[in-house]
Amino acid sequence: MRVCVRRTCRSLGTRSSIGKMWKKGSDEVFYPPGARPITSDISSEELIKNLKILICALMDIEQSEANADLPVTPLTYLLTSSFLLHHRSKDVCLLVACCLSDILRILAPKSPCTSPAQLQKIFKFMTKQLSCLASTNKRRYKRSLYLMENLAMVQSYSICFDMEEGDIIIIDLFKTLFSVIRVCQSSSLQEKVISLLGFIISNSPVISCKLLDTLLTPLLKTRKDEDNVVKDLVKCLFKQTACFLEPHLTNTSI
């Protein structure tokens, strides 16, 4: 279940402002003031500049069901172009992921596209970018934290519950965040991770054996201090979601 959350709107927070202030480019994509069309032949520097403008504009749009018909579908498909999802610059990829997470937030509880394959591509890509939470680069860390907070704000991963490969994506999310916690042992980050993963466990219609294995594996590792950090996090998850996990554990031989 995705939720609606209201943000304070500053300059570009309404449907009419997009219609009046955002301009349609030659590629049929609407761009905010100051942004140029995003194409595969522009430099990384120019691409980063335009993505920053786009993020600033998107974060100013209030999340509301009334935004369901905003003209962001062409933008969504542009952001999932191969030249962006496989760009050599980590900064470009992370900025693209932040843009996509904002689109998911703005349109919640609606989906930005109807293609299951496109949605899977989006969530696999965003999950991969969450690994930057372990980065020592402060700029990348802040952006990846913004990405995770956006995804958690309207529980975007609940879309994966109905996907054919949804379980694979969710398991990858758990593994990615466990790896992050091993490196970045921030208590505030751990709380955010527990909140995000706890919601998924509590609301998932099915807890697969593979997801249970992913949860239980850290409890069996005791050799390294960083493993103990993940073990403590998993224990908190079990405590928080015990009533949802217990029936599955009872029926699973481990």
C-alpha atoms as a PDB file:
ATOM      1  CA  MET A   1       0.000   0.000   0.000  1.00  0.00           C
ATOM      2  CA  ARG A   2       1.489   3.314  -1.118  1.00  0.00           C
ATOM      3  CA  VAL A   3       0.630   6.395   0.913  1.00  0.00           C
ATOM      4  CA  CYS A   4       0.051  10.065   0.245  1.00  0.00           C
ATOM      5  CA  VAL A   5       2.279  12.574   2.014  1.00  0.00           C
ATOM      6  CA  ARG A   6       2.062  16.339   1.726  1.00  0.00           C
ATOM      7  CA  ARG A   7       5.157  18.508   1.386  1.00  0.00           C
ATOM      8  CA  THR A   8       5.386  22.268   1.673  1.00  0.00           C
ATOM      9  CA  CYS A   9       5.200  23.567  -1.879  1.00  0.00           C
ATOM     10  CA  ARG A  10       7.423  26.429  -2.914  1.00  0.00           C
ATOM     11  CA  SER A  11       7.568  27.565  -6.556  1.00  0.00           C
ATOM     12  CA  LEU A  12       6.566  24.712  -8.850  1.00  0.00           C
ATOM     13  CA  GLY A  13       4.075  22.857  -6.754  1.00  0.00           C
ATOM     14  CA  THR A  14       0.911  22.716  -8.835  1.00  0.00           C
ATOM     15  CA  ARG A  15      -0.334  21.179 -12.032  1.00  0.00           C
ATOM     16  CA  SER A  16      -0.983  24.614 -13.527  1.00  0.00           C
ATOM     17  CA  SER A  17       2.585  25.754 -12.819  1.00  0.00           C
ATOM     18  CA  ILE A  18       3.927  22.851 -14.859  1.00  0.00           C
ATOM     19  CA  GLY A  19       1.581  23.730 -17.669  1.00  0.00           C
ATOM     20  CA  LYS A  20       2.655  27.395 -17.620  1.00  0.00           C
ATOM     21  CA  MET A  21       6.279  27.286 -16.520  1.00  0.00           C
ATOM     22  CA  TRP A  22       7.556  23.947 -17.799  1.00  0.00           C
ATOM     23  CA  LYS A  23       8.143  23.996 -21.539  1.00  0.00           C
ATOM     24  CA  LYS A  24       7.790  21.096 -23.951  1.00  0.00           C
ATOM     25  CA  GLY A  25      11.023  20.316 -25.763  1.00  0.00           C
ATOM     26  CA  SER A  26      11.461  18.940 -29.263  1.00  0.00           C
ATOM     27  CA  ASP A  27      11.504  15.462 -27.705  1.00  0.00           C
ATOM     28  CA  GLU A  28       7.936  15.961 -26.344  1.00  0.00           C
ATOM     29  CA  VAL A  29       9.301  16.063 -22.779  1.00  0.00           C
ATOM     30  CA  PHE A  30       8.354  18.924 -20.463  1.00  0.00           C
ATOM     31  CA  TYR A  31      11.361  20.677 -18.889  1.00  0.00           C
ATOM     32  CA  PRO A  32      11.467  23.213 -16.039  1.00  0.00           C
ATOM     33  CA  PRO A  33      12.829  26.735 -16.585  1.00  0.00           C
ATOM     34  CA  GLY A  34      16.568  26.758 -17.198  1.00  0.00           C
ATOM     35  CA  ALA A  35      16.816  23.118 -18.262  1.00  0.00           C
ATOM     36  CA  ARG A  36      17.785  22.064 -21.765  1.00  0.00           C
ATOM     37  CA  PRO A  37      16.645  18.856 -23.510  1.00  0.00           C
ATOM     38  CA  ILE A  38      18.497  15.811 -22.205  1.00  0.00           C
ATOM     39  CA  THR A  39      20.114  13.874 -25.030  1.00  0.00           C
ATOM     40  CA  SER A  40      22.833  11.250 -25.363  1.00  0.00           C
ATOM     41  CA  ASP A  41      25.234  13.636 -27.105  1.00  0.00           C
ATOM     42  CA  ILE A  42      25.618  16.253 -24.364  1.00  0.00           C
ATOM     43  CA  SER A  43      28.604  16.211 -22.008  1.00  0.00           C
ATOM     44  CA  SER A  44      28.479  14.715 -18.509  1.00  0.00           C
ATOM     45  CA  GLU A  45      28.892  18.200 -17.055  1.00  0.00           C
ATOM     46  CA  GLU A  46      25.934  19.560 -19.021  1.00  0.00           C
ATOM     47  CA  LEU A  47      23.903  16.470 -18.182  1.00  0.00           C
ATOM     48  CA  ILE A  48      24.576  16.852 -14.447  1.00  0.00           C
ATOM     49  CA  LYS A  49      23.656  20.545 -14.631  1.00  0.00           C
ATOM     50  CA  ASN A  50      20.312  19.768 -16.280  1.00  0.00           C
ATOM     51  CA  LEU A  51      19.527  16.896 -13.910  1.00  0.00           C
ATOM     52  CA  LYS A  52      20.164  19.180 -10.921  1.00  0.00           C
ATOM     53  CA  ILE A  53      17.689  21.723 -12.320  1.00  0.00           C
ATOM     54  CA  LEU A  54      15.196  18.930 -12.881  1.00  0.00           C
ATOM     55  CA  ILE A  55      15.554  17.605  -9.327  1.00  0.00           C
ATOM     56  CA  CYS A  56      15.111  21.077  -7.822  1.00  0.00           C
ATOM     57  CA  ALA A  57      11.916  21.492  -9.830  1.00  0.00           C
ATOM     58  CA  LEU A  58      10.558  18.030  -9.002  1.00  0.00           C
ATOM     59  CA  MET A  59      11.207  18.303  -5.286  1.00  0.00           C
ATOM     60  CA  ASP A  60       9.077  21.460  -5.249  1.00  0.00           C
ATOM     61  CA  ILE A  61       6.019  19.624  -6.544  1.00  0.00           C
ATOM     62  CA  GLU A  62       3.590  18.556  -3.865  1.00  0.00           C
ATOM     63  CA  GLN A  63       2.712  14.878  -3.695  1.00  0.00           C
ATOM     64  CA  SER A  64      -1.002  14.511  -4.297  1.00  0.00           C
ATOM     65  CA  GLU A  65      -3.480  12.239  -6.021  1.00  0.00           C
ATOM     66  CA  ALA A  66      -4.499  15.324  -7.989  1.00  0.00           C
ATOM     67  CA  ASN A  67      -1.147  15.082  -9.761  1.00  0.00           C
ATOM     68  CA  ALA A  68      -2.023  11.751 -11.371  1.00  0.00           C
ATOM     69  CA  ASP A  69      -2.404  13.373 -14.786  1.00  0.00           C
ATOM     70  CA  LEU A  70       0.741  15.509 -14.717  1.00  0.00           C
ATOM     71  CA  PRO A  71       2.620  15.231 -18.042  1.00  0.00           C
ATOM     72  CA  VAL A  72       5.602  13.331 -16.615  1.00  0.00           C
ATOM     73  CA  THR A  73       5.248  10.036 -18.508  1.00  0.00           C
ATOM     74  CA  PRO A  74       7.523  11.163 -21.387  1.00  0.00           C
ATOM     75  CA  LEU A  75      10.045  12.370 -18.802  1.00  0.00           C
ATOM     76  CA  THR A  76       9.901   9.010 -17.023  1.00  0.00           C
ATOM     77  CA  TYR A  77      10.652   7.143 -20.234  1.00  0.00           C
ATOM     78  CA  LEU A  78      13.470   9.558 -21.050  1.00  0.00           C
ATOM     79  CA  LEU A  79      15.044   8.978 -17.626  1.00  0.00           C
ATOM     80  CA  THR A  80      14.990   5.221 -18.225  1.00  0.00           C
ATOM     81  CA  SER A  81      16.851   5.533 -21.518  1.00  0.00           C
ATOM     82  CA  SER A  82      19.826   3.214 -21.829  1.00  0.00           C
ATOM     83  CA  PHE A  83      22.334   6.087 -22.120  1.00  0.00           C
ATOM     84  CA  LEU A  84      21.240   7.322 -18.675  1.00  0.00           C
ATOM     85  CA  LEU A  85      20.770   4.032 -16.817  1.00  0.00           C
ATOM     86  CA  HIS A  86      24.179   2.821 -18.002  1.00  0.00           C
ATOM     87  CA  HIS A  87      26.019   6.119 -17.865  1.00  0.00           C
ATOM     88  CA  ARG A  88      29.671   5.926 -16.853  1.00  0.00           C
ATOM     89  CA  SER A  89      29.242   8.736 -14.315  1.00  0.00           C
ATOM     90  CA  LYS A  90      28.049   7.632 -10.880  1.00  0.00           C
ATOM     91  CA  ASP A  91      26.801  11.154 -10.258  1.00  0.00           C
ATOM     92  CA  VAL A  92      24.608  11.065 -13.358  1.00  0.00           C
ATOM     93  CA  CYS A  93      23.121   7.697 -12.355  1.00  0.00           C
ATOM     94  CA  LEU A  94      22.410   8.869  -8.821  1.00  0.00           C
ATOM     95  CA  LEU A  95      20.768  12.087 -10.027  1.00  0.00           C
ATOM     96  CA  VAL A  96      18.603  10.113 -12.455  1.00  0.00           C
ATOM     97  CA  ALA A  97      17.538   7.799  -9.618  1.00  0.00           C
ATOM     98  CA  CYS A  98      16.605  10.816  -7.465  1.00  0.00           C
ATOM     99  CA  CYS A  99      14.492  12.224 -10.301  1.00  0.00           C
ATOM    100  CA  LEU A 100      12.700   8.910 -10.706  1.00  0.00           C
ATOM    101  CA  SER A 101      12.052   8.658  -6.965  1.00  0.00           C
ATOM    102  CA  ASP A 102      10.545  12.147  -6.988  1.00  0.00           C
ATOM    103  CA  ILE A 103       8.243  11.212  -9.860  1.00  0.00           C
ATOM    104  CA  LEU A 104       7.109   8.150  -7.884  1.00  0.00           C
ATOM    105  CA  ARG A 105       6.499  10.371  -4.853  1.00  0.00           C
ATOM    106  CA  ILE A 106       4.574  13.002  -6.802  1.00  0.00           C
ATOM    107  CA  LEU A 107       2.261  10.499  -8.495  1.00  0.00           C
ATOM    108  CA  ALA A 108       1.701   8.184  -5.511  1.00  0.00           C
ATOM    109  CA  PRO A 109      -0.331   6.087  -5.193  1.00  0.00           C
ATOM    110  CA  LYS A 110      -0.381   5.960  -9.009  1.00  0.00           C
ATOM    111  CA  SER A 111       2.449   4.504 -11.065  1.00  0.00           C
ATOM    112  CA  PRO A 112       4.410   6.665 -13.545  1.00  0.00           C
ATOM    113  CA  CYS A 113       4.105   4.041 -16.288  1.00  0.00           C
ATOM    114  CA  THR A 114       1.995   1.005 -17.121  1.00  0.00           C
ATOM    115  CA  SER A 115       4.733  -1.233 -18.491  1.00  0.00           C
ATOM    116  CA  PRO A 116       5.773  -3.908 -15.937  1.00  0.00           C
ATOM    117  CA  ALA A 117       9.145  -4.236 -17.661  1.00  0.00           C
ATOM    118  CA  GLN A 118       9.722  -0.484 -17.365  1.00  0.00           C
ATOM    119  CA  LEU A 119       8.807  -0.487 -13.679  1.00  0.00           C
ATOM    120  CA  GLN A 120      11.150  -3.393 -12.988  1.00  0.00           C
ATOM    121  CA  LYS A 121      13.919  -1.523 -14.771  1.00  0.00           C
ATOM    122  CA  ILE A 122      13.261   1.577 -12.640  1.00  0.00           C
ATOM    123  CA  PHE A 123      13.300  -0.260  -9.305  1.00  0.00           C
ATOM    124  CA  LYS A 124      16.346  -2.370 -10.134  1.00  0.00           C
ATOM    125  CA  PHE A 125      18.198   0.790 -11.094  1.00  0.00           C
ATOM    126  CA  MET A 126      17.180   2.767  -7.995  1.00  0.00           C
ATOM    127  CA  THR A 127      18.058  -0.141  -5.709  1.00  0.00           C
ATOM    128  CA  LYS A 128      21.527  -0.302  -7.235  1.00  0.00           C
ATOM    129  CA  GLN A 129      22.042   3.419  -6.574  1.00  0.00           C
ATOM    130  CA  LEU A 130      21.235   2.950  -2.873  1.00  0.00           C
ATOM    131  CA  SER A 131      24.649   1.325  -2.512  1.00  0.00           C
ATOM    132  CA  CYS A 132      26.025   4.890  -2.594  1.00  0.00           C
ATOM    133  CA  LEU A 133      24.818   5.199   1.009  1.00  0.00           C
ATOM    134  CA  ALA A 134      28.137   3.540   1.816  1.00  0.00           C
ATOM    135  CA  SER A 135      30.078   6.176  -0.132  1.00  0.00           C
ATOM    136  CA  THR A 136      32.651   8.359   1.601  1.00  0.00           C
ATOM    137  CA  ASN A 137      31.787  11.078  -0.898  1.00  0.00           C
ATOM    138  CA  LYS A 138      29.500  13.415   1.085  1.00  0.00           C
ATOM    139  CA  ARG A 139      27.657  14.649  -1.988  1.00  0.00           C
ATOM    140  CA  ARG A 140      26.810  11.136  -3.169  1.00  0.00           C
ATOM    141  CA  TYR A 141      25.854  10.078   0.340  1.00  0.00           C
ATOM    142  CA  LYS A 142      23.408  12.981   0.692  1.00  0.00           C
ATOM    143  CA  ARG A 143      21.850  12.248  -2.684  1.00  0.00           C
ATOM    144  CA  SER A 144      21.483   8.543  -1.969  1.00  0.00           C
ATOM    145  CA  LEU A 145      19.954   9.380   1.421  1.00  0.00           C
ATOM    146  CA  TYR A 146      17.482  11.679  -0.344  1.00  0.00           C
ATOM    147  CA  LEU A 147      16.710   8.792  -2.719  1.00  0.00           C
ATOM    148  CA  MET A 148      15.981   6.378   0.120  1.00  0.00           C
ATOM    149  CA  GLU A 149      13.888   8.917   2.040  1.00  0.00           C
ATOM    150  CA  ASN A 150      11.811   9.586  -1.073  1.00  0.00           C
ATOM    151  CA  LEU A 151      11.212   5.882  -1.628  1.00  0.00           C
ATOM    152  CA  ALA A 152      10.284   5.392   2.026  1.00  0.00           C
ATOM    153  CA  MET A 153       8.051   8.481   2.214  1.00  0.00           C
ATOM    154  CA  VAL A 154       5.297   7.000   0.026  1.00  0.00           C
ATOM    155  CA  GLN A 155       6.459   3.358   0.341  1.00  0.00           C
ATOM    156  CA  SER A 156       7.272   3.113  -3.356  1.00  0.00           C
ATOM    157  CA  TYR A 157       8.568  -0.454  -3.067  1.00  0.00           C
ATOM    158  CA  SER A 158       5.034  -1.677  -2.456  1.00  0.00           C
ATOM    159  CA  ILE A 159       4.650  -1.455  -6.245  1.00  0.00           C
ATOM    160  CA  CYS A 160       7.011  -4.431  -6.408  1.00  0.00           C
ATOM    161  CA  PHE A 161       4.504  -6.658  -4.586  1.00  0.00           C
ATOM    162  CA  ASP A 162       2.595  -7.126  -7.841  1.00  0.00           C
ATOM    163  CA  MET A 163       5.602  -7.455 -10.142  1.00  0.00           C
ATOM    164  CA  GLU A 164       6.692 -10.716 -11.703  1.00  0.00           C
ATOM    165  CA  GLU A 165      10.243 -10.136 -10.469  1.00  0.00           C
ATOM    166  CA  GLY A 166       9.173  -8.156  -7.425  1.00  0.00           C
ATOM    167  CA  ASP A 167      10.612 -10.634  -4.940  1.00  0.00           C
ATOM    168  CA  ILE A 168      13.996 -10.475  -6.677  1.00  0.00           C
ATOM    169  CA  ILE A 169      14.001  -6.681  -6.446  1.00  0.00           C
ATOM    170  CA  ILE A 170      12.989  -6.678  -2.771  1.00  0.00           C
ATOM    171  CA  ILE A 171      15.615  -9.270  -1.851  1.00  0.00           C
ATOM    172  CA  ASP A 172      18.209  -7.193  -3.690  1.00  0.00           C
ATOM    173  CA  LEU A 173      17.058  -4.167  -1.671  1.00  0.00           C
ATOM    174  CA  PHE A 174      17.546  -6.043   1.608  1.00  0.00           C
ATOM    175  CA  LYS A 175      21.006  -7.265   0.565  1.00  0.00           C
ATOM    176  CA  THR A 176      22.030  -3.810  -0.656  1.00  0.00           C
ATOM    177  CA  LEU A 177      20.997  -2.096   2.568  1.00  0.00           C
ATOM    178  CA  PHE A 178      22.611  -4.808   4.710  1.00  0.00           C
ATOM    179  CA  SER A 179      25.865  -4.212   2.803  1.00  0.00           C
ATOM    180  CA  VAL A 180      25.518  -0.473   3.368  1.00  0.00           C
ATOM    181  CA  ILE A 181      24.994  -0.891   7.112  1.00  0.00           C
ATOM    182  CA  ARG A 182      28.167  -2.997   7.336  1.00  0.00           C
ATOM    183  CA  VAL A 183      30.137   0.018   6.096  1.00  0.00           C
ATOM    184  CA  CYS A 184      28.110   3.018   7.263  1.00  0.00           C
ATOM    185  CA  GLN A 185      27.265   2.293  10.880  1.00  0.00           C
ATOM    186  CA  SER A 186      25.154   5.394  11.452  1.00  0.00           C
ATOM    187  CA  SER A 187      22.374   4.965  13.998  1.00  0.00           C
ATOM    188  CA  SER A 188      20.095   7.423  12.168  1.00  0.00           C
ATOM    189  CA  LEU A 189      20.612   5.551   8.895  1.00  0.00           C
ATOM    190  CA  GLN A 190      19.908   2.238  10.629  1.00  0.00           C
ATOM    191  CA  GLU A 191      16.599   3.623  11.903  1.00  0.00           C
ATOM    192  CA  LYS A 192      15.621   4.661   8.371  1.00  0.00           C
ATOM    193  CA  VAL A 193      16.584   1.242   7.009  1.00  0.00           C
ATOM    194  CA  ILE A 194      14.577  -0.560   9.694  1.00  0.00           C
ATOM    195  CA  SER A 195      11.564   1.617   8.944  1.00  0.00           C
ATOM    196  CA  LEU A 196      11.743   0.964   5.192  1.00  0.00           C
ATOM    197  CA  LEU A 197      12.386  -2.780   5.424  1.00  0.00           C
ATOM    198  CA  GLY A 198       9.934  -3.204   8.298  1.00  0.00           C
ATOM    199  CA  PHE A 199       7.137  -1.732   6.204  1.00  0.00           C
ATOM    200  CA  ILE A 200       7.926  -4.124   3.351  1.00  0.00           C
ATOM    201  CA  ILE A 201       7.833  -7.156   5.651  1.00  0.00           C
ATOM    202  CA  SER A 202       4.632  -6.011   7.354  1.00  0.00           C
ATOM    203  CA  ASN A 203       2.783  -5.291   4.114  1.00  0.00           C
ATOM    204  CA  SER A 204       4.109  -7.896   1.722  1.00  0.00           C
ATOM    205  CA  PRO A 205       1.333 -10.350   0.746  1.00  0.00           C
ATOM    206  CA  VAL A 206       3.897 -13.166   0.648  1.00  0.00           C
ATOM    207  CA  ILE A 207       7.163 -13.677   2.526  1.00  0.00           C
ATOM    208  CA  SER A 208       9.170 -15.975   0.281  1.00  0.00           C
ATOM    209  CA  CYS A 209      11.656 -18.548   1.493  1.00  0.00           C
ATOM    210  CA  LYS A 210      14.418 -16.628  -0.273  1.00  0.00           C
ATOM    211  CA  LEU A 211      13.539 -13.451   1.596  1.00  0.00           C
ATOM    212  CA  LEU A 212      13.516 -15.392   4.877  1.00  0.00           C
ATOM    213  CA  ASP A 213      16.945 -16.785   4.014  1.00  0.00           C
ATOM    214  CA  THR A 214      18.177 -13.245   3.369  1.00  0.00           C
ATOM    215  CA  LEU A 215      16.916 -12.204   6.804  1.00  0.00           C
ATOM    216  CA  LEU A 216      18.249 -15.223   8.652  1.00  0.00           C
ATOM    217  CA  THR A 217      21.716 -15.399   7.077  1.00  0.00           C
ATOM    218  CA  PRO A 218      23.176 -12.425   9.034  1.00  0.00           C
ATOM    219  CA  LEU A 219      22.105 -14.105  12.294  1.00  0.00           C
ATOM    220  CA  LEU A 220      24.413 -17.015  11.501  1.00  0.00           C
ATOM    221  CA  LYS A 221      27.487 -14.844  10.964  1.00  0.00           C
ATOM    222  CA  THR A 222      29.580 -13.966  14.021  1.00  0.00           C
ATOM    223  CA  ARG A 223      33.109 -13.583  12.751  1.00  0.00           C
ATOM    224  CA  LYS A 224      33.287  -9.856  12.068  1.00  0.00           C
ATOM    225  CA  ASP A 225      32.160  -6.764  13.942  1.00  0.00           C
ATOM    226  CA  GLU A 226      30.423  -5.424  10.818  1.00  0.00           C
ATOM    227  CA  ASP A 227      28.416  -8.654  10.618  1.00  0.00           C
ATOM    228  CA  ASN A 228      27.291  -8.059  14.193  1.00  0.00           C
ATOM    229  CA  VAL A 229      25.987  -4.620  13.193  1.00  0.00           C
ATOM    230  CA  VAL A 230      23.785  -6.197  10.531  1.00  0.00           C
ATOM    231  CA  LYS A 231      22.797  -8.936  12.983  1.00  0.00           C
ATOM    232  CA  ASP A 232      21.577  -6.327  15.477  1.00  0.00           C
ATOM    233  CA  LEU A 233      19.621  -4.597  12.719  1.00  0.00           C
ATOM    234  CA  VAL A 234      17.979  -7.876  11.699  1.00  0.00           C
ATOM    235  CA  LYS A 235      17.072  -8.585  15.318  1.00  0.00           C
ATOM    236  CA  CYS A 236      15.321  -5.202  15.451  1.00  0.00           C
ATOM    237  CA  LEU A 237      13.492  -6.084  12.254  1.00  0.00           C
ATOM    238  CA  PHE A 238      12.353  -9.405  13.704  1.00  0.00           C
ATOM    239  CA  LYS A 239      11.183  -7.722  16.886  1.00  0.00           C
ATOM    240  CA  GLN A 240       9.258  -5.080  14.952  1.00  0.00           C
ATOM    241  CA  THR A 241       7.634  -7.539  12.516  1.00  0.00           C
ATOM    242  CA  ALA A 242       7.367 -10.667  14.671  1.00  0.00           C
ATOM    243  CA  CYS A 243       3.634 -11.139  14.165  1.00  0.00           C
ATOM    244  CA  PHE A 244       4.106 -11.107  10.392  1.00  0.00           C
ATOM    245  CA  LEU A 245       7.194 -13.328  10.276  1.00  0.00           C
ATOM    246  CA  GLU A 246       6.295 -15.926  12.899  1.00  0.00           C
ATOM    247  CA  PRO A 247       3.801 -17.914  10.761  1.00  0.00           C
ATOM    248  CA  HIS A 248       6.376 -18.158   7.966  1.00  0.00           C
ATOM    249  CA  LEU A 249       9.154 -19.221  10.328  1.00  0.00           C
ATOM    250  CA  THR A 250       6.928 -21.871  11.884  1.00  0.00           C
ATOM    251  CA  ASN A 251       6.351 -23.420   8.486  1.00  0.00           C
ATOM    252  CA  THR A 252       9.954 -23.200   7.361  1.00  0.00           C
ATOM    253  CA  SER A 253      12.668 -25.662   8.263  1.00  0.00           C
ATOM    254  CA  ILE A 254      15.898 -23.810   8.901  1.00  0.00           C
END
